[in-house]
């Protein structure tokens, strides 16, 4: 839902309740989206430390797949400049 700043200030408890129950609440100033109020649970999901890329690849079900990583000795194609 979109809230004008003055309305959001007057109904802060409702804005917070709506963020917890229905999702992010957008606050506008002079018709422009300015801020978003989200629940603490949603904030935690956004800020929790993610696993590293290395750990992701180490835990991949494809870790046993053999890849041919040799580079071709060909020089490529001839082009005119």
PDB file of N, CA and C in Angstrom:
ATOM      1  N   UNK A   1       0.835  -1.175   0.000  1.00  0.00           N
ATOM      2  CA  UNK A   1       0.000   0.000   0.000  1.00  0.00           C
ATOM      3  C   UNK A   1       0.880   1.239   0.000  1.00  0.00           C
ATOM      4  N   UNK A   2       0.392   2.309  -0.576  1.00  0.00           N
ATOM      5  CA  UNK A   2       1.098   3.585  -0.593  1.00  0.00           C
ATOM      6  C   UNK A   2       0.495   4.521   0.455  1.00  0.00           C
ATOM      7  N   UNK A   3       1.363   5.169   1.203  1.00  0.00           N
ATOM      8  CA  UNK A   3       0.953   6.113   2.233  1.00  0.00           C
ATOM      9  C   UNK A   3       1.607   7.462   1.958  1.00  0.00           C
ATOM     10  N   UNK A   4       0.834   8.532   2.038  1.00  0.00           N
ATOM     11  CA  UNK A   4       1.438   9.850   2.009  1.00  0.00           C
ATOM     12  C   UNK A   4       2.137  10.046   3.346  1.00  0.00           C
ATOM     13  N   UNK A   5       3.226  10.790   3.348  1.00  0.00           N
ATOM     14  CA  UNK A   5       4.030  10.939   4.554  1.00  0.00           C
ATOM     15  C   UNK A   5       3.213  11.378   5.762  1.00  0.00           C
ATOM     16  N   UNK A   6       2.379  12.380   5.603  1.00  0.00           N
ATOM     17  CA  UNK A   6       1.596  12.885   6.735  1.00  0.00           C
ATOM     18  C   UNK A   6       0.669  11.804   7.273  1.00  0.00           C
ATOM     19  N   UNK A   7       0.033  11.050   6.361  1.00  0.00           N
ATOM     20  CA  UNK A   7      -0.859   9.972   6.786  1.00  0.00           C
ATOM     21  C   UNK A   7      -0.070   8.876   7.493  1.00  0.00           C
ATOM     22  N   UNK A   8       1.120   8.560   6.983  1.00  0.00           N
ATOM     23  CA  UNK A   8       1.961   7.530   7.608  1.00  0.00           C
ATOM     24  C   UNK A   8       2.367   7.952   9.013  1.00  0.00           C
ATOM     25  N   UNK A   9       2.666   9.245   9.187  1.00  0.00           N
ATOM     26  CA  UNK A   9       3.026   9.735  10.522  1.00  0.00           C
ATOM     27  C   UNK A   9       1.836   9.606  11.474  1.00  0.00           C
ATOM     28  N   UNK A  10       0.668   9.954  10.992  1.00  0.00           N
ATOM     29  CA  UNK A  10      -0.527   9.905  11.839  1.00  0.00           C
ATOM     30  C   UNK A  10      -0.964   8.482  12.164  1.00  0.00           C
ATOM     31  N   UNK A  11      -0.654   7.549  11.282  1.00  0.00           N
ATOM     32  CA  UNK A  11      -1.106   6.163  11.455  1.00  0.00           C
ATOM     33  C   UNK A  11       0.072   5.197  11.495  1.00  0.00           C
ATOM     34  N   UNK A  12       1.136   5.590  12.159  1.00  0.00           N
ATOM     35  CA  UNK A  12       2.349   4.774  12.182  1.00  0.00           C
ATOM     36  C   UNK A  12       2.082   3.352  12.674  1.00  0.00           C
ATOM     37  N   UNK A  13       1.278   3.207  13.695  1.00  0.00           N
ATOM     38  CA  UNK A  13       0.970   1.860  14.204  1.00  0.00           C
ATOM     39  C   UNK A  13       0.323   1.006  13.130  1.00  0.00           C
ATOM     40  N   UNK A  14      -0.577   1.601  12.356  1.00  0.00           N
ATOM     41  CA  UNK A  14      -1.241   0.855  11.286  1.00  0.00           C
ATOM     42  C   UNK A  14      -0.259   0.521  10.164  1.00  0.00           C
ATOM     43  N   UNK A  15       0.627   1.454   9.838  1.00  0.00           N
ATOM     44  CA  UNK A  15       1.637   1.205   8.799  1.00  0.00           C
ATOM     45  C   UNK A  15       2.503   0.012   9.206  1.00  0.00           C
ATOM     46  N   UNK A  16       2.928   0.000  10.466  1.00  0.00           N
ATOM     47  CA  UNK A  16       3.758  -1.106  10.961  1.00  0.00           C
ATOM     48  C   UNK A  16       2.983  -2.415  10.947  1.00  0.00           C
ATOM     49  N   UNK A  17       1.743  -2.385  11.397  1.00  0.00           N
ATOM     50  CA  UNK A  17       0.912  -3.595  11.388  1.00  0.00           C
ATOM     51  C   UNK A  17       0.751  -4.128   9.966  1.00  0.00           C
ATOM     52  N   UNK A  18       0.500  -3.238   9.028  1.00  0.00           N
ATOM     53  CA  UNK A  18       0.339  -3.648   7.622  1.00  0.00           C
ATOM     54  C   UNK A  18       1.642  -4.238   7.067  1.00  0.00           C
ATOM     55  N   UNK A  19       2.777  -3.661   7.449  1.00  0.00           N
ATOM     56  CA  UNK A  19       4.062  -4.193   6.996  1.00  0.00           C
ATOM     57  C   UNK A  19       4.276  -5.612   7.513  1.00  0.00           C
ATOM     58  N   UNK A  20       3.813  -5.872   8.743  1.00  0.00           N
ATOM     59  CA  UNK A  20       3.968  -7.201   9.334  1.00  0.00           C
ATOM     60  C   UNK A  20       3.009  -8.220   8.740  1.00  0.00           C
ATOM     61  N   UNK A  21       1.820  -7.784   8.376  1.00  0.00           N
ATOM     62  CA  UNK A  21       0.790  -8.737   7.955  1.00  0.00           C
ATOM     63  C   UNK A  21       0.608  -8.843   6.439  1.00  0.00           C
ATOM     64  N   UNK A  22       0.785  -7.731   5.720  1.00  0.00           N
ATOM     65  CA  UNK A  22       0.505  -7.789   4.277  1.00  0.00           C
ATOM     66  C   UNK A  22       1.713  -7.533   3.401  1.00  0.00           C
ATOM     67  N   UNK A  23       2.808  -7.031   3.986  1.00  0.00           N
ATOM     68  CA  UNK A  23       4.012  -6.807   3.193  1.00  0.00           C
ATOM     69  C   UNK A  23       4.471  -5.362   3.225  1.00  0.00           C
ATOM     70  N   UNK A  24       5.497  -5.061   2.432  1.00  0.00           N
ATOM     71  CA  UNK A  24       6.098  -3.729   2.440  1.00  0.00           C
ATOM     72  C   UNK A  24       5.084  -2.606   2.203  1.00  0.00           C
ATOM     73  N   UNK A  25       5.292  -1.500   2.918  1.00  0.00           N
ATOM     74  CA  UNK A  25       4.432  -0.323   2.812  1.00  0.00           C
ATOM     75  C   UNK A  25       5.277   0.838   2.273  1.00  0.00           C
ATOM     76  N   UNK A  26       4.822   1.433   1.180  1.00  0.00           N
ATOM     77  CA  UNK A  26       5.553   2.510   0.532  1.00  0.00           C
ATOM     78  C   UNK A  26       5.063   3.859   1.041  1.00  0.00           C
ATOM     79  N   UNK A  27       6.013   4.737   1.373  1.00  0.00           N
ATOM     80  CA  UNK A  27       5.674   6.088   1.819  1.00  0.00           C
ATOM     81  C   UNK A  27       6.086   7.060   0.723  1.00  0.00           C
ATOM     82  N   UNK A  28       5.183   7.971   0.400  1.00  0.00           N
ATOM     83  CA  UNK A  28       5.445   8.939  -0.663  1.00  0.00           C
ATOM     84  C   UNK A  28       5.536  10.352  -0.103  1.00  0.00           C
ATOM     85  N   UNK A  29       6.329  11.167  -0.766  1.00  0.00           N
ATOM     86  CA  UNK A  29       6.424  12.587  -0.465  1.00  0.00           C
ATOM     87  C   UNK A  29       6.210  13.331  -1.770  1.00  0.00           C
ATOM     88  N   UNK A  30       5.180  14.155  -1.812  1.00  0.00           N
ATOM     89  CA  UNK A  30       4.787  14.884  -3.019  1.00  0.00           C
ATOM     90  C   UNK A  30       4.599  13.948  -4.207  1.00  0.00           C
ATOM     91  N   UNK A  31       4.033  12.784  -3.940  1.00  0.00           N
ATOM     92  CA  UNK A  31       3.713  11.823  -4.991  1.00  0.00           C
ATOM     93  C   UNK A  31       4.856  10.927  -5.424  1.00  0.00           C
ATOM     94  N   UNK A  32       6.042  11.123  -4.876  1.00  0.00           N
ATOM     95  CA  UNK A  32       7.198  10.292  -5.243  1.00  0.00           C
ATOM     96  C   UNK A  32       7.473   9.276  -4.142  1.00  0.00           C
ATOM     97  N   UNK A  33       7.708   8.028  -4.547  1.00  0.00           N
ATOM     98  CA  UNK A  33       8.057   6.989  -3.579  1.00  0.00           C
ATOM     99  C   UNK A  33       9.366   7.374  -2.910  1.00  0.00           C
ATOM    100  N   UNK A  34       9.349   7.431  -1.579  1.00  0.00           N
ATOM    101  CA  UNK A  34      10.496   7.927  -0.835  1.00  0.00           C
ATOM    102  C   UNK A  34      11.089   6.896   0.112  1.00  0.00           C
ATOM    103  N   UNK A  35      10.237   6.089   0.719  1.00  0.00           N
ATOM    104  CA  UNK A  35      10.708   5.114   1.698  1.00  0.00           C
ATOM    105  C   UNK A  35       9.784   3.904   1.686  1.00  0.00           C
ATOM    106  N   UNK A  36      10.300   2.812   2.232  1.00  0.00           N
ATOM    107  CA  UNK A  36       9.516   1.586   2.348  1.00  0.00           C
ATOM    108  C   UNK A  36       9.667   1.060   3.766  1.00  0.00           C
ATOM    109  N   UNK A  37       8.549   0.739   4.389  1.00  0.00           N
ATOM    110  CA  UNK A  37       8.556   0.132   5.719  1.00  0.00           C
ATOM    111  C   UNK A  37       8.333  -1.363   5.533  1.00  0.00           C
ATOM    112  N   UNK A  38       9.257  -2.166   6.074  1.00  0.00           N
ATOM    113  CA  UNK A  38       9.121  -3.623   5.991  1.00  0.00           C
ATOM    114  C   UNK A  38       9.166  -4.204   7.397  1.00  0.00           C
ATOM    115  N   UNK A  39       8.695  -5.432   7.514  1.00  0.00           N
ATOM    116  CA  UNK A  39       8.713  -6.100   8.815  1.00  0.00           C
ATOM    117  C   UNK A  39      10.150  -6.457   9.188  1.00  0.00           C
ATOM    118  N   UNK A  40      10.369  -6.677  10.475  1.00  0.00           N
ATOM    119  CA  UNK A  40      11.688  -7.082  10.946  1.00  0.00           C
ATOM    120  C   UNK A  40      12.090  -8.425  10.334  1.00  0.00           C
ATOM    121  N   UNK A  41      11.129  -9.322  10.158  1.00  0.00           N
ATOM    122  CA  UNK A  41      11.421 -10.629   9.558  1.00  0.00           C
ATOM    123  C   UNK A  41      11.906 -10.464   8.117  1.00  0.00           C
ATOM    124  N   UNK A  42      11.242  -9.602   7.348  1.00  0.00           N
ATOM    125  CA  UNK A  42      11.674  -9.362   5.972  1.00  0.00           C
ATOM    126  C   UNK A  42      13.056  -8.716   5.944  1.00  0.00           C
ATOM    127  N   UNK A  43      13.310  -7.803   6.879  1.00  0.00           N
ATOM    128  CA  UNK A  43      14.615  -7.150   6.962  1.00  0.00           C
ATOM    129  C   UNK A  43      15.709  -8.178   7.245  1.00  0.00           C
ATOM    130  N   UNK A  44      15.438  -9.098   8.168  1.00  0.00           N
ATOM    131  CA  UNK A  44      16.407 -10.154   8.493  1.00  0.00           C
ATOM    132  C   UNK A  44      16.740 -10.986   7.267  1.00  0.00           C
ATOM    133  N   UNK A  45      15.714 -11.324   6.486  1.00  0.00           N
ATOM    134  CA  UNK A  45      15.955 -12.106   5.273  1.00  0.00           C
ATOM    135  C   UNK A  45      16.867 -11.359   4.308  1.00  0.00           C
ATOM    136  N   UNK A  46      16.702 -10.052   4.235  1.00  0.00           N
ATOM    137  CA  UNK A  46      17.512  -9.252   3.315  1.00  0.00           C
ATOM    138  C   UNK A  46      18.941  -9.057   3.801  1.00  0.00           C
ATOM    139  N   UNK A  47      19.143  -9.051   5.115  1.00  0.00           N
ATOM    140  CA  UNK A  47      20.463  -8.717   5.648  1.00  0.00           C
ATOM    141  C   UNK A  47      21.240  -9.900   6.203  1.00  0.00           C
ATOM    142  N   UNK A  48      20.620 -11.071   6.315  1.00  0.00           N
ATOM    143  CA  UNK A  48      21.355 -12.235   6.818  1.00  0.00           C
ATOM    144  C   UNK A  48      22.537 -12.518   5.905  1.00  0.00           C
ATOM    145  N   UNK A  49      23.645 -12.901   6.529  1.00  0.00           N
ATOM    146  CA  UNK A  49      24.839 -13.219   5.764  1.00  0.00           C
ATOM    147  C   UNK A  49      24.566 -14.435   4.892  1.00  0.00           C
ATOM    148  N   UNK A  50      24.873 -14.277   3.651  1.00  0.00           N
ATOM    149  CA  UNK A  50      24.686 -15.368   2.696  1.00  0.00           C
ATOM    150  C   UNK A  50      25.943 -16.241   2.688  1.00  0.00           C
ATOM    151  N   UNK A  51      25.778 -17.481   2.262  1.00  0.00           N
ATOM    152  CA  UNK A  51      26.932 -18.354   2.116  1.00  0.00           C
ATOM    153  C   UNK A  51      27.837 -17.819   1.008  1.00  0.00           C
ATOM    154  N   UNK A  52      29.095 -18.153   1.092  1.00  0.00           N
ATOM    155  CA  UNK A  52      30.049 -17.696   0.085  1.00  0.00           C
ATOM    156  C   UNK A  52      29.844 -18.466  -1.214  1.00  0.00           C
ATOM    157  N   UNK A  53      30.334 -17.895  -2.285  1.00  0.00           N
ATOM    158  CA  UNK A  53      30.251 -18.548  -3.587  1.00  0.00           C
ATOM    159  C   UNK A  53      31.021 -19.863  -3.568  1.00  0.00           C
ATOM    160  N   UNK A  54      32.147 -19.878  -2.890  1.00  0.00           N
ATOM    161  CA  UNK A  54      32.935 -21.103  -2.780  1.00  0.00           C
ATOM    162  C   UNK A  54      32.122 -22.203  -2.107  1.00  0.00           C
ATOM    163  N   UNK A  55      31.454 -21.872  -1.002  1.00  0.00           N
ATOM    164  CA  UNK A  55      30.637 -22.868  -0.303  1.00  0.00           C
ATOM    165  C   UNK A  55      29.499 -23.359  -1.194  1.00  0.00           C
ATOM    166  N   UNK A  56      28.907 -22.444  -1.959  1.00  0.00           N
ATOM    167  CA  UNK A  56      27.840 -22.816  -2.888  1.00  0.00           C
ATOM    168  C   UNK A  56      28.327 -23.880  -3.866  1.00  0.00           C
ATOM    169  N   UNK A  57      29.510 -23.652  -4.461  1.00  0.00           N
ATOM    170  CA  UNK A  57      30.030 -24.618  -5.423  1.00  0.00           C
ATOM    171  C   UNK A  57      30.459 -25.915  -4.749  1.00  0.00           C
ATOM    172  N   UNK A  58      31.006 -25.829  -3.539  1.00  0.00           N
ATOM    173  CA  UNK A  58      31.421 -27.027  -2.824  1.00  0.00           C
ATOM    174  C   UNK A  58      30.236 -27.916  -2.473  1.00  0.00           C
ATOM    175  N   UNK A  59      29.075 -27.319  -2.221  1.00  0.00           N
ATOM    176  CA  UNK A  59      27.888 -28.086  -1.850  1.00  0.00           C
ATOM    177  C   UNK A  59      26.996 -28.419  -3.039  1.00  0.00           C
ATOM    178  N   UNK A  60      27.437 -28.069  -4.214  1.00  0.00           N
ATOM    179  CA  UNK A  60      26.645 -28.316  -5.416  1.00  0.00           C
ATOM    180  C   UNK A  60      26.541 -29.813  -5.692  1.00  0.00           C
ATOM    181  N   UNK A  61      25.376 -30.252  -6.191  1.00  0.00           N
ATOM    182  CA  UNK A  61      25.257 -31.665  -6.572  1.00  0.00           C
ATOM    183  C   UNK A  61      26.099 -31.997  -7.796  1.00  0.00           C
ATOM    184  N   UNK A  62      26.697 -31.009  -8.425  1.00  0.00           N
ATOM    185  CA  UNK A  62      27.508 -31.232  -9.623  1.00  0.00           C
ATOM    186  C   UNK A  62      28.997 -31.273  -9.324  1.00  0.00           C
ATOM    187  N   UNK A  63      29.380 -31.392  -8.057  1.00  0.00           N
ATOM    188  CA  UNK A  63      30.806 -31.367  -7.704  1.00  0.00           C
ATOM    189  C   UNK A  63      31.579 -32.528  -8.304  1.00  0.00           C
ATOM    190  N   UNK A  64      30.922 -33.639  -8.599  1.00  0.00           N
ATOM    191  CA  UNK A  64      31.614 -34.804  -9.158  1.00  0.00           C
ATOM    192  C   UNK A  64      31.678 -34.792 -10.680  1.00  0.00           C
ATOM    193  N   UNK A  65      31.117 -33.784 -11.318  1.00  0.00           N
ATOM    194  CA  UNK A  65      31.114 -33.704 -12.775  1.00  0.00           C
ATOM    195  C   UNK A  65      32.494 -33.257 -13.245  1.00  0.00           C
ATOM    196  N   UNK A  66      33.029 -33.976 -14.212  1.00  0.00           N
ATOM    197  CA  UNK A  66      34.336 -33.626 -14.770  1.00  0.00           C
ATOM    198  C   UNK A  66      34.138 -32.638 -15.914  1.00  0.00           C
ATOM    199  N   UNK A  67      34.863 -31.549 -15.878  1.00  0.00           N
ATOM    200  CA  UNK A  67      34.797 -30.550 -16.929  1.00  0.00           C
ATOM    201  C   UNK A  67      36.107 -30.535 -17.702  1.00  0.00           C
ATOM    202  N   UNK A  68      36.002 -30.399 -19.031  1.00  0.00           N
ATOM    203  CA  UNK A  68      37.193 -30.266 -19.861  1.00  0.00           C
ATOM    204  C   UNK A  68      37.513 -28.777 -19.954  1.00  0.00           C
ATOM    205  N   UNK A  69      38.532 -28.355 -19.235  1.00  0.00           N
ATOM    206  CA  UNK A  69      38.889 -26.949 -19.195  1.00  0.00           C
ATOM    207  C   UNK A  69      40.133 -26.625 -20.024  1.00  0.00           C
ATOM    208  N   UNK A  70      40.532 -27.542 -20.914  1.00  0.00           N
ATOM    209  CA  UNK A  70      41.686 -27.267 -21.770  1.00  0.00           C
ATOM    210  C   UNK A  70      41.304 -26.245 -22.821  1.00  0.00           C
ATOM    211  N   UNK A  71      42.250 -25.382 -23.110  1.00  0.00           N
ATOM    212  CA  UNK A  71      42.005 -24.312 -24.071  1.00  0.00           C
ATOM    213  C   UNK A  71      42.454 -24.761 -25.450  1.00  0.00           C
ATOM    214  N   UNK A  72      41.653 -24.398 -26.436  1.00  0.00           N
ATOM    215  CA  UNK A  72      41.972 -24.737 -27.818  1.00  0.00           C
ATOM    216  C   UNK A  72      43.235 -23.999 -28.243  1.00  0.00           C
ATOM    217  N   UNK A  73      44.099 -24.660 -29.016  1.00  0.00           N
ATOM    218  CA  UNK A  73      45.340 -24.050 -29.504  1.00  0.00           C
ATOM    219  C   UNK A  73      45.101 -23.247 -30.782  1.00  0.00           C
ATOM    220  N   UNK A  74      43.891 -23.303 -31.337  1.00  0.00           N
ATOM    221  CA  UNK A  74      43.592 -22.556 -32.553  1.00  0.00           C
ATOM    222  C   UNK A  74      43.681 -21.069 -32.267  1.00  0.00           C
ATOM    223  N   UNK A  75      44.090 -20.307 -33.289  1.00  0.00           N
ATOM    224  CA  UNK A  75      44.261 -18.872 -33.095  1.00  0.00           C
ATOM    225  C   UNK A  75      42.970 -18.094 -33.358  1.00  0.00           C
ATOM    226  N   UNK A  76      41.946 -18.761 -33.755  1.00  0.00           N
ATOM    227  CA  UNK A  76      40.687 -18.074 -34.030  1.00  0.00           C
ATOM    228  C   UNK A  76      40.496 -17.896 -35.526  1.00  0.00           C
ATOM    229  N   UNK A  77      39.692 -16.962 -35.892  1.00  0.00           N
ATOM    230  CA  UNK A  77      39.401 -16.764 -37.310  1.00  0.00           C
ATOM    231  C   UNK A  77      40.078 -15.497 -37.821  1.00  0.00           C
ATOM    232  N   UNK A  78      40.331 -15.464 -39.110  1.00  0.00           N
ATOM    233  CA  UNK A  78      40.904 -14.282 -39.741  1.00  0.00           C
ATOM    234  C   UNK A  78      39.808 -13.313 -40.064  1.00  0.00           C
ATOM    235  N   UNK A  79      40.048 -12.023 -39.780  1.00  0.00           N
ATOM    236  CA  UNK A  79      39.073 -10.993 -40.121  1.00  0.00           C
ATOM    237  C   UNK A  79      39.782  -9.842 -40.812  1.00  0.00           C
ATOM    238  N   UNK A  80      39.049  -9.141 -41.648  1.00  0.00           N
ATOM    239  CA  UNK A  80      39.614  -7.969 -42.307  1.00  0.00           C
ATOM    240  C   UNK A  80      39.169  -6.739 -41.551  1.00  0.00           C
ATOM    241  N   UNK A  81      40.124  -5.842 -41.331  1.00  0.00           N
ATOM    242  CA  UNK A  81      39.820  -4.596 -40.641  1.00  0.00           C
ATOM    243  C   UNK A  81      39.831  -3.436 -41.591  1.00  0.00           C
TER     244      UNK A  81
END
